[in-house]
């Protein structure tokens, strides 16, 4: 009997960090390297999912970079945008957990929660992987009947020293 692999929702910032040219900013470069380490060494331990929103965001900007991002996404199952996702987005927005100008971030959280992901992998630490918002996100998910995934960066989803 084989164990099921944990499910991870790949948010767009993670994909972007893998596909981007090496940054001159030391923090961003570190995030890029950690993303690549996770991808090369740990991604096989997970079932990975995205949403159409990830595809849409990945298609924006420089066409060469967008092409690299979209190529990376082509084999992942796409989670359905359904009424439950929309309802959770509305709750996150109503409670001002995510500001209205960043509604996409509420959608990423909602896709992961509604579709019962174990993890939401992101480098978006402003509205998603933000320790000051984490408990509020968990509370809203639970209040609406969903289990909040573990929201984390690739660095947090590496189970050994690198």
N, C-alpha and C. Protein backbone atom coordinates (compact mmCIF):
# COMPACT_ATOMS: atom_id res chain seq x y z
N UNK A 1 0.84 -1.18 0.00
CA UNK A 1 0.00 0.00 0.00
C UNK A 1 0.89 1.25 0.00
N UNK A 2 0.67 2.13 -0.96
CA UNK A 2 1.48 3.34 -1.04
C UNK A 2 0.79 4.49 -0.32
N UNK A 3 1.58 5.33 0.29
CA UNK A 3 1.04 6.50 0.97
C UNK A 3 0.77 7.59 -0.06
N UNK A 4 -0.32 8.32 0.16
CA UNK A 4 -0.63 9.43 -0.73
C UNK A 4 0.33 10.57 -0.46
N UNK A 5 0.78 11.19 -1.53
CA UNK A 5 1.65 12.35 -1.38
C UNK A 5 0.82 13.55 -0.95
N UNK A 6 1.39 14.40 -0.10
CA UNK A 6 0.69 15.63 0.28
C UNK A 6 0.44 16.49 -0.95
N UNK A 7 -0.66 17.26 -0.90
CA UNK A 7 -1.04 18.12 -2.02
C UNK A 7 -0.56 19.54 -1.75
N UNK A 8 0.07 20.14 -2.77
CA UNK A 8 0.56 21.51 -2.64
C UNK A 8 0.04 22.36 -3.79
N UNK A 9 -0.48 23.52 -3.42
CA UNK A 9 -0.91 24.53 -4.39
C UNK A 9 0.27 25.45 -4.64
N UNK A 10 0.68 25.56 -5.88
CA UNK A 10 1.81 26.41 -6.26
C UNK A 10 1.28 27.79 -6.64
N UNK A 11 1.55 28.76 -5.82
CA UNK A 11 1.13 30.13 -6.10
C UNK A 11 2.13 30.75 -7.08
N UNK A 12 1.70 31.74 -7.82
CA UNK A 12 2.46 32.30 -8.94
C UNK A 12 3.85 32.80 -8.55
N UNK A 13 4.00 33.37 -7.38
CA UNK A 13 5.32 33.92 -7.01
C UNK A 13 6.38 32.82 -6.94
N UNK A 14 5.99 31.63 -6.54
CA UNK A 14 6.94 30.51 -6.51
C UNK A 14 7.39 30.18 -7.93
N UNK A 15 6.45 30.06 -8.85
CA UNK A 15 6.77 29.76 -10.25
C UNK A 15 7.67 30.85 -10.82
N UNK A 16 7.35 32.09 -10.53
CA UNK A 16 8.12 33.22 -11.04
C UNK A 16 9.56 33.19 -10.54
N UNK A 17 9.75 32.81 -9.29
CA UNK A 17 11.11 32.77 -8.74
C UNK A 17 11.96 31.69 -9.42
N UNK A 18 11.35 30.60 -9.81
CA UNK A 18 12.11 29.54 -10.48
C UNK A 18 12.48 29.95 -11.91
N UNK A 19 11.56 30.62 -12.58
CA UNK A 19 11.74 30.90 -14.01
C UNK A 19 12.46 32.20 -14.32
N UNK A 20 12.61 33.07 -13.34
CA UNK A 20 13.22 34.38 -13.59
C UNK A 20 14.73 34.29 -13.74
N UNK A 21 15.27 35.29 -14.43
CA UNK A 21 16.72 35.42 -14.47
C UNK A 21 17.22 35.71 -13.06
N UNK A 22 18.45 35.35 -12.78
CA UNK A 22 19.02 35.60 -11.46
C UNK A 22 18.95 37.08 -11.12
N UNK A 23 18.43 37.36 -9.96
CA UNK A 23 18.25 38.73 -9.52
C UNK A 23 19.56 39.31 -8.98
N UNK A 24 19.68 40.62 -9.07
CA UNK A 24 20.82 41.32 -8.47
C UNK A 24 20.54 41.62 -6.99
N UNK A 25 19.28 41.55 -6.61
CA UNK A 25 18.90 41.76 -5.22
C UNK A 25 19.21 40.49 -4.43
N UNK A 26 19.99 40.59 -3.37
CA UNK A 26 20.47 39.43 -2.63
C UNK A 26 19.32 38.61 -2.02
N UNK A 27 18.28 39.27 -1.53
CA UNK A 27 17.16 38.54 -0.94
C UNK A 27 16.39 37.77 -2.00
N UNK A 28 16.09 38.43 -3.10
CA UNK A 28 15.37 37.77 -4.19
C UNK A 28 16.20 36.63 -4.76
N UNK A 29 17.50 36.84 -4.91
CA UNK A 29 18.38 35.78 -5.41
C UNK A 29 18.36 34.58 -4.46
N UNK A 30 18.37 34.82 -3.17
CA UNK A 30 18.29 33.74 -2.19
C UNK A 30 16.97 32.98 -2.33
N UNK A 31 15.87 33.70 -2.51
CA UNK A 31 14.56 33.07 -2.71
C UNK A 31 14.56 32.24 -3.99
N UNK A 32 15.19 32.75 -5.04
CA UNK A 32 15.26 32.00 -6.30
C UNK A 32 16.04 30.70 -6.09
N UNK A 33 17.15 30.78 -5.41
CA UNK A 33 17.97 29.58 -5.17
C UNK A 33 17.23 28.57 -4.31
N UNK A 34 16.56 29.03 -3.25
CA UNK A 34 15.78 28.13 -2.41
C UNK A 34 14.64 27.48 -3.18
N UNK A 35 14.01 28.23 -4.06
CA UNK A 35 12.93 27.69 -4.89
C UNK A 35 13.45 26.58 -5.79
N UNK A 36 14.59 26.82 -6.39
CA UNK A 36 15.18 25.82 -7.29
C UNK A 36 15.62 24.58 -6.52
N UNK A 37 16.16 24.78 -5.33
CA UNK A 37 16.54 23.63 -4.49
C UNK A 37 15.31 22.81 -4.15
N UNK A 38 14.23 23.48 -3.74
CA UNK A 38 13.00 22.76 -3.42
C UNK A 38 12.50 22.01 -4.66
N UNK A 39 12.47 22.70 -5.78
CA UNK A 39 11.96 22.10 -7.02
C UNK A 39 12.77 20.86 -7.41
N UNK A 40 14.08 20.96 -7.37
CA UNK A 40 14.95 19.87 -7.82
C UNK A 40 15.01 18.71 -6.84
N UNK A 41 14.85 18.97 -5.55
CA UNK A 41 15.08 17.94 -4.54
C UNK A 41 13.85 17.46 -3.78
N UNK A 42 12.79 18.26 -3.76
CA UNK A 42 11.65 17.92 -2.90
C UNK A 42 10.30 17.90 -3.62
N UNK A 43 10.20 18.48 -4.78
CA UNK A 43 8.89 18.57 -5.45
C UNK A 43 8.30 17.18 -5.74
N UNK A 44 9.15 16.19 -5.97
CA UNK A 44 8.66 14.85 -6.24
C UNK A 44 7.94 14.20 -5.07
N UNK A 45 8.07 14.79 -3.89
CA UNK A 45 7.39 14.26 -2.70
C UNK A 45 5.95 14.74 -2.58
N UNK A 46 5.49 15.55 -3.55
CA UNK A 46 4.18 16.20 -3.46
C UNK A 46 3.38 16.02 -4.75
N UNK A 47 2.05 16.08 -4.60
CA UNK A 47 1.14 16.25 -5.73
C UNK A 47 0.95 17.75 -5.88
N UNK A 48 1.24 18.28 -7.06
CA UNK A 48 1.20 19.73 -7.23
C UNK A 48 0.00 20.16 -8.07
N UNK A 49 -0.60 21.28 -7.67
CA UNK A 49 -1.78 21.83 -8.31
C UNK A 49 -1.62 23.32 -8.50
N UNK A 50 -2.34 23.85 -9.48
CA UNK A 50 -2.40 25.29 -9.73
C UNK A 50 -3.85 25.64 -10.03
N UNK A 51 -4.09 26.91 -10.29
CA UNK A 51 -5.42 27.38 -10.70
C UNK A 51 -5.27 28.11 -12.03
N UNK A 52 -6.39 28.39 -12.65
CA UNK A 52 -6.34 29.20 -13.88
C UNK A 52 -5.76 30.57 -13.57
N UNK A 53 -5.99 31.07 -12.37
CA UNK A 53 -5.41 32.35 -11.97
C UNK A 53 -3.89 32.30 -12.04
N UNK A 54 -3.28 31.20 -11.60
CA UNK A 54 -1.81 31.06 -11.69
C UNK A 54 -1.40 31.13 -13.16
N UNK A 55 -2.12 30.44 -14.03
CA UNK A 55 -1.82 30.51 -15.46
C UNK A 55 -1.95 31.94 -15.98
N UNK A 56 -3.01 32.62 -15.59
CA UNK A 56 -3.24 33.99 -16.06
C UNK A 56 -2.14 34.93 -15.59
N UNK A 57 -1.76 34.83 -14.32
CA UNK A 57 -0.70 35.69 -13.79
C UNK A 57 0.64 35.34 -14.43
N UNK A 58 0.90 34.07 -14.65
CA UNK A 58 2.17 33.64 -15.25
C UNK A 58 2.30 34.12 -16.69
N UNK A 59 1.18 34.35 -17.35
CA UNK A 59 1.20 34.79 -18.75
C UNK A 59 1.49 36.29 -18.91
N UNK A 60 1.47 37.03 -17.81
CA UNK A 60 1.68 38.49 -17.86
C UNK A 60 3.16 38.83 -17.98
N UNK A 61 3.43 40.02 -18.47
CA UNK A 61 4.80 40.55 -18.50
C UNK A 61 5.59 40.10 -19.71
N UNK A 62 6.89 40.12 -19.54
CA UNK A 62 7.82 39.77 -20.61
C UNK A 62 7.44 38.42 -21.21
N UNK A 63 7.31 38.38 -22.54
CA UNK A 63 6.82 37.17 -23.21
C UNK A 63 7.78 35.99 -23.09
N UNK A 64 9.08 36.23 -23.10
CA UNK A 64 10.03 35.12 -22.95
C UNK A 64 9.90 34.51 -21.55
N UNK A 65 9.82 35.36 -20.54
CA UNK A 65 9.66 34.88 -19.17
C UNK A 65 8.30 34.20 -19.00
N UNK A 66 7.26 34.80 -19.57
CA UNK A 66 5.92 34.21 -19.49
C UNK A 66 5.90 32.83 -20.13
N UNK A 67 6.59 32.69 -21.23
CA UNK A 67 6.65 31.39 -21.90
C UNK A 67 7.31 30.34 -21.02
N UNK A 68 8.38 30.71 -20.33
CA UNK A 68 9.05 29.78 -19.41
C UNK A 68 8.12 29.38 -18.26
N UNK A 69 7.41 30.37 -17.72
CA UNK A 69 6.49 30.08 -16.61
C UNK A 69 5.36 29.16 -17.07
N UNK A 70 4.77 29.47 -18.20
CA UNK A 70 3.64 28.67 -18.70
C UNK A 70 4.08 27.25 -19.06
N UNK A 71 5.27 27.11 -19.58
CA UNK A 71 5.78 25.77 -19.90
C UNK A 71 5.90 24.94 -18.62
N UNK A 72 6.34 25.57 -17.55
CA UNK A 72 6.48 24.86 -16.27
C UNK A 72 5.12 24.40 -15.73
N UNK A 73 4.08 25.16 -16.03
CA UNK A 73 2.75 24.89 -15.48
C UNK A 73 1.94 23.87 -16.26
N UNK A 74 2.36 23.55 -17.46
CA UNK A 74 1.48 22.82 -18.39
C UNK A 74 1.05 21.44 -17.91
N UNK A 75 1.76 20.79 -17.03
CA UNK A 75 1.40 19.43 -16.61
C UNK A 75 0.64 19.34 -15.29
N UNK A 76 0.43 20.47 -14.62
CA UNK A 76 -0.23 20.44 -13.32
C UNK A 76 -1.74 20.49 -13.45
N UNK A 77 -2.46 19.72 -12.64
CA UNK A 77 -3.92 19.82 -12.63
C UNK A 77 -4.34 21.23 -12.21
N UNK A 78 -5.42 21.72 -12.84
CA UNK A 78 -5.95 23.05 -12.57
C UNK A 78 -7.20 22.89 -11.69
N UNK A 79 -7.18 23.54 -10.54
CA UNK A 79 -8.30 23.48 -9.61
C UNK A 79 -9.48 24.31 -10.12
N UNK A 80 -10.68 23.81 -9.87
CA UNK A 80 -11.89 24.48 -10.33
C UNK A 80 -12.16 25.75 -9.55
N UNK A 81 -12.58 26.78 -10.29
CA UNK A 81 -13.12 27.98 -9.67
C UNK A 81 -14.61 27.71 -9.48
N UNK A 82 -15.04 27.56 -8.24
CA UNK A 82 -16.44 27.25 -7.97
C UNK A 82 -17.02 28.25 -6.97
N UNK A 83 -18.28 28.06 -6.66
CA UNK A 83 -18.97 28.99 -5.76
C UNK A 83 -18.35 29.00 -4.36
N UNK A 84 -17.85 27.86 -3.88
CA UNK A 84 -17.22 27.82 -2.57
C UNK A 84 -15.95 28.65 -2.54
N UNK A 85 -15.18 28.61 -3.61
CA UNK A 85 -13.97 29.45 -3.71
C UNK A 85 -14.38 30.91 -3.64
N UNK A 86 -15.39 31.28 -4.41
CA UNK A 86 -15.86 32.68 -4.43
C UNK A 86 -16.36 33.11 -3.05
N UNK A 87 -17.07 32.23 -2.36
CA UNK A 87 -17.59 32.56 -1.03
C UNK A 87 -16.45 32.81 -0.04
N UNK A 88 -15.42 31.98 -0.09
CA UNK A 88 -14.29 32.18 0.82
C UNK A 88 -13.54 33.46 0.47
N UNK A 89 -13.39 33.75 -0.81
CA UNK A 89 -12.78 35.02 -1.22
C UNK A 89 -13.57 36.18 -0.62
N UNK A 90 -14.88 36.12 -0.75
CA UNK A 90 -15.73 37.20 -0.22
C UNK A 90 -15.54 37.37 1.28
N UNK A 91 -15.42 36.28 2.01
CA UNK A 91 -15.21 36.37 3.46
C UNK A 91 -13.85 36.99 3.78
N UNK A 92 -12.81 36.56 3.09
CA UNK A 92 -11.48 37.12 3.31
C UNK A 92 -11.46 38.62 3.02
N UNK A 93 -12.19 39.03 1.99
CA UNK A 93 -12.24 40.45 1.64
C UNK A 93 -13.12 41.23 2.63
N UNK A 94 -14.26 40.65 2.99
CA UNK A 94 -15.18 41.32 3.92
C UNK A 94 -14.51 41.58 5.27
N UNK A 95 -13.70 40.60 5.70
CA UNK A 95 -13.00 40.72 6.98
C UNK A 95 -11.70 41.52 6.86
N UNK A 96 -11.42 42.00 5.64
CA UNK A 96 -10.23 42.84 5.37
C UNK A 96 -8.92 42.11 5.67
N UNK A 97 -8.92 40.78 5.50
CA UNK A 97 -7.70 40.01 5.66
C UNK A 97 -6.77 40.31 4.49
N UNK A 98 -7.37 40.49 3.32
CA UNK A 98 -6.65 40.85 2.11
C UNK A 98 -7.26 42.15 1.60
N UNK A 99 -6.44 43.15 1.25
CA UNK A 99 -7.00 44.41 0.75
C UNK A 99 -7.64 44.22 -0.64
N UNK A 100 -8.63 45.06 -0.94
CA UNK A 100 -9.39 44.89 -2.18
C UNK A 100 -8.53 44.95 -3.43
N UNK A 101 -7.44 45.69 -3.41
CA UNK A 101 -6.58 45.78 -4.59
C UNK A 101 -5.72 44.52 -4.80
N UNK A 102 -5.78 43.59 -3.86
CA UNK A 102 -5.02 42.34 -3.95
C UNK A 102 -5.93 41.12 -3.89
N UNK A 103 -7.09 41.23 -4.49
CA UNK A 103 -8.09 40.16 -4.45
C UNK A 103 -7.53 38.83 -4.97
N UNK A 104 -6.56 38.88 -5.88
CA UNK A 104 -5.96 37.64 -6.39
C UNK A 104 -5.36 36.82 -5.26
N UNK A 105 -4.80 37.49 -4.26
CA UNK A 105 -4.20 36.77 -3.13
C UNK A 105 -5.28 36.01 -2.35
N UNK A 106 -6.45 36.61 -2.20
CA UNK A 106 -7.57 35.93 -1.54
C UNK A 106 -8.00 34.71 -2.37
N UNK A 107 -7.95 34.83 -3.68
CA UNK A 107 -8.30 33.68 -4.53
C UNK A 107 -7.30 32.55 -4.35
N UNK A 108 -6.00 32.85 -4.27
CA UNK A 108 -5.01 31.78 -4.07
C UNK A 108 -5.27 31.04 -2.76
N UNK A 109 -5.49 31.78 -1.70
CA UNK A 109 -5.78 31.17 -0.40
C UNK A 109 -7.04 30.30 -0.51
N UNK A 110 -8.05 30.83 -1.16
CA UNK A 110 -9.33 30.13 -1.27
C UNK A 110 -9.23 28.87 -2.12
N UNK A 111 -8.53 28.94 -3.24
CA UNK A 111 -8.35 27.74 -4.05
C UNK A 111 -7.72 26.63 -3.21
N UNK A 112 -6.68 26.98 -2.48
CA UNK A 112 -5.96 25.98 -1.69
C UNK A 112 -6.84 25.41 -0.57
N UNK A 113 -7.58 26.26 0.10
CA UNK A 113 -8.42 25.80 1.22
C UNK A 113 -9.61 24.98 0.73
N UNK A 114 -10.33 25.49 -0.24
CA UNK A 114 -11.54 24.82 -0.72
C UNK A 114 -11.21 23.46 -1.33
N UNK A 115 -10.08 23.37 -2.00
CA UNK A 115 -9.69 22.11 -2.66
C UNK A 115 -8.83 21.22 -1.76
N UNK A 116 -8.82 21.53 -0.46
CA UNK A 116 -8.21 20.67 0.54
C UNK A 116 -6.72 20.40 0.29
N UNK A 117 -5.99 21.43 -0.08
CA UNK A 117 -4.55 21.30 -0.24
C UNK A 117 -3.91 21.20 1.15
N UNK A 118 -2.82 20.46 1.22
CA UNK A 118 -2.07 20.38 2.48
C UNK A 118 -1.19 21.61 2.67
N UNK A 119 -0.67 22.15 1.55
CA UNK A 119 0.24 23.30 1.59
C UNK A 119 -0.12 24.30 0.51
N UNK A 120 0.15 25.55 0.78
CA UNK A 120 0.12 26.62 -0.21
C UNK A 120 1.54 27.16 -0.25
N UNK A 121 2.22 26.97 -1.36
CA UNK A 121 3.63 27.35 -1.49
C UNK A 121 3.73 28.70 -2.18
N UNK A 122 4.35 29.66 -1.53
CA UNK A 122 4.37 31.04 -2.03
C UNK A 122 5.58 31.81 -1.53
N UNK A 123 5.93 32.86 -2.26
CA UNK A 123 6.89 33.85 -1.76
C UNK A 123 6.16 35.16 -1.47
N UNK A 124 4.84 35.17 -1.58
CA UNK A 124 4.06 36.37 -1.30
C UNK A 124 3.89 36.46 0.22
N UNK A 125 4.78 37.21 0.83
CA UNK A 125 4.75 37.34 2.29
C UNK A 125 4.02 38.60 2.75
N UNK A 126 3.46 39.33 1.78
CA UNK A 126 2.71 40.54 2.13
C UNK A 126 1.29 40.19 2.58
N UNK A 127 0.60 39.35 1.78
CA UNK A 127 -0.80 39.04 2.10
C UNK A 127 -1.07 37.56 2.30
N UNK A 128 -0.13 36.69 1.94
CA UNK A 128 -0.42 35.25 2.01
C UNK A 128 0.41 34.60 3.12
N UNK A 129 1.71 34.49 2.95
CA UNK A 129 2.58 33.87 3.97
C UNK A 129 3.05 34.95 4.94
N UNK A 130 2.11 35.52 5.64
CA UNK A 130 2.39 36.62 6.54
C UNK A 130 1.98 36.20 7.95
N UNK A 131 2.94 36.14 8.82
CA UNK A 131 2.68 35.65 10.18
C UNK A 131 1.62 36.47 10.91
N UNK A 132 1.53 37.77 10.62
CA UNK A 132 0.54 38.61 11.31
C UNK A 132 -0.87 38.37 10.80
N UNK A 133 -1.00 37.76 9.63
CA UNK A 133 -2.32 37.47 9.06
C UNK A 133 -2.70 36.00 9.15
N UNK A 134 -1.72 35.16 9.43
CA UNK A 134 -1.92 33.71 9.36
C UNK A 134 -3.10 33.22 10.19
N UNK A 135 -3.19 33.61 11.46
CA UNK A 135 -4.27 33.12 12.31
C UNK A 135 -5.63 33.62 11.83
N UNK A 136 -5.67 34.85 11.34
CA UNK A 136 -6.94 35.38 10.81
C UNK A 136 -7.37 34.59 9.58
N UNK A 137 -6.42 34.21 8.74
CA UNK A 137 -6.73 33.39 7.56
C UNK A 137 -7.27 32.03 8.01
N UNK A 138 -6.60 31.41 8.96
CA UNK A 138 -7.04 30.12 9.50
C UNK A 138 -8.46 30.25 10.06
N UNK A 139 -8.70 31.30 10.83
CA UNK A 139 -10.02 31.49 11.46
C UNK A 139 -11.12 31.63 10.41
N UNK A 140 -10.88 32.41 9.37
CA UNK A 140 -11.89 32.60 8.32
C UNK A 140 -12.14 31.28 7.59
N UNK A 141 -11.06 30.56 7.27
CA UNK A 141 -11.23 29.26 6.61
C UNK A 141 -12.09 28.33 7.46
N UNK A 142 -11.76 28.22 8.73
CA UNK A 142 -12.50 27.32 9.62
C UNK A 142 -13.94 27.78 9.80
N UNK A 143 -14.14 29.08 9.93
CA UNK A 143 -15.49 29.63 10.09
C UNK A 143 -16.37 29.30 8.89
N UNK A 144 -15.78 29.22 7.72
CA UNK A 144 -16.54 28.92 6.51
C UNK A 144 -16.54 27.43 6.16
N UNK A 145 -15.97 26.61 7.06
CA UNK A 145 -16.05 25.17 6.90
C UNK A 145 -14.89 24.51 6.16
N UNK A 146 -13.77 25.21 6.05
CA UNK A 146 -12.62 24.66 5.34
C UNK A 146 -11.41 24.58 6.26
N UNK A 147 -10.54 23.63 5.97
CA UNK A 147 -9.27 23.52 6.67
C UNK A 147 -8.26 24.36 5.91
N UNK A 148 -7.63 25.25 6.60
CA UNK A 148 -6.61 26.10 5.97
C UNK A 148 -5.35 25.27 5.72
N UNK A 149 -4.80 25.35 4.52
CA UNK A 149 -3.54 24.64 4.28
C UNK A 149 -2.42 25.31 5.07
N UNK A 150 -1.32 24.61 5.21
CA UNK A 150 -0.12 25.23 5.77
C UNK A 150 0.38 26.19 4.70
N UNK A 151 0.44 27.47 5.02
CA UNK A 151 0.90 28.48 4.09
C UNK A 151 2.38 28.71 4.38
N UNK A 152 3.21 28.47 3.36
CA UNK A 152 4.65 28.52 3.63
C UNK A 152 5.45 28.88 2.40
N UNK A 153 6.70 29.21 2.63
CA UNK A 153 7.67 29.44 1.57
C UNK A 153 8.41 28.12 1.30
N UNK A 154 9.08 28.02 0.16
CA UNK A 154 9.84 26.79 -0.10
C UNK A 154 10.84 26.45 1.00
N UNK A 155 11.43 27.46 1.58
CA UNK A 155 12.40 27.23 2.65
C UNK A 155 11.77 26.47 3.82
N UNK A 156 10.50 26.75 4.09
CA UNK A 156 9.81 26.09 5.19
C UNK A 156 9.33 24.68 4.84
N UNK A 157 9.35 24.35 3.55
CA UNK A 157 8.85 23.05 3.11
C UNK A 157 9.99 22.11 2.72
N UNK A 158 11.17 22.41 3.22
CA UNK A 158 12.33 21.54 3.04
C UNK A 158 12.53 20.83 4.36
N UNK A 159 12.53 19.50 4.32
CA UNK A 159 12.55 18.74 5.57
C UNK A 159 13.93 18.27 6.00
N UNK A 160 14.94 18.89 5.47
CA UNK A 160 16.32 18.58 5.91
C UNK A 160 17.19 19.79 5.69
N UNK A 161 18.36 19.78 6.27
CA UNK A 161 19.28 20.90 6.08
C UNK A 161 19.77 20.94 4.65
N UNK A 162 19.92 22.16 4.13
CA UNK A 162 20.42 22.32 2.76
C UNK A 162 21.79 22.92 2.74
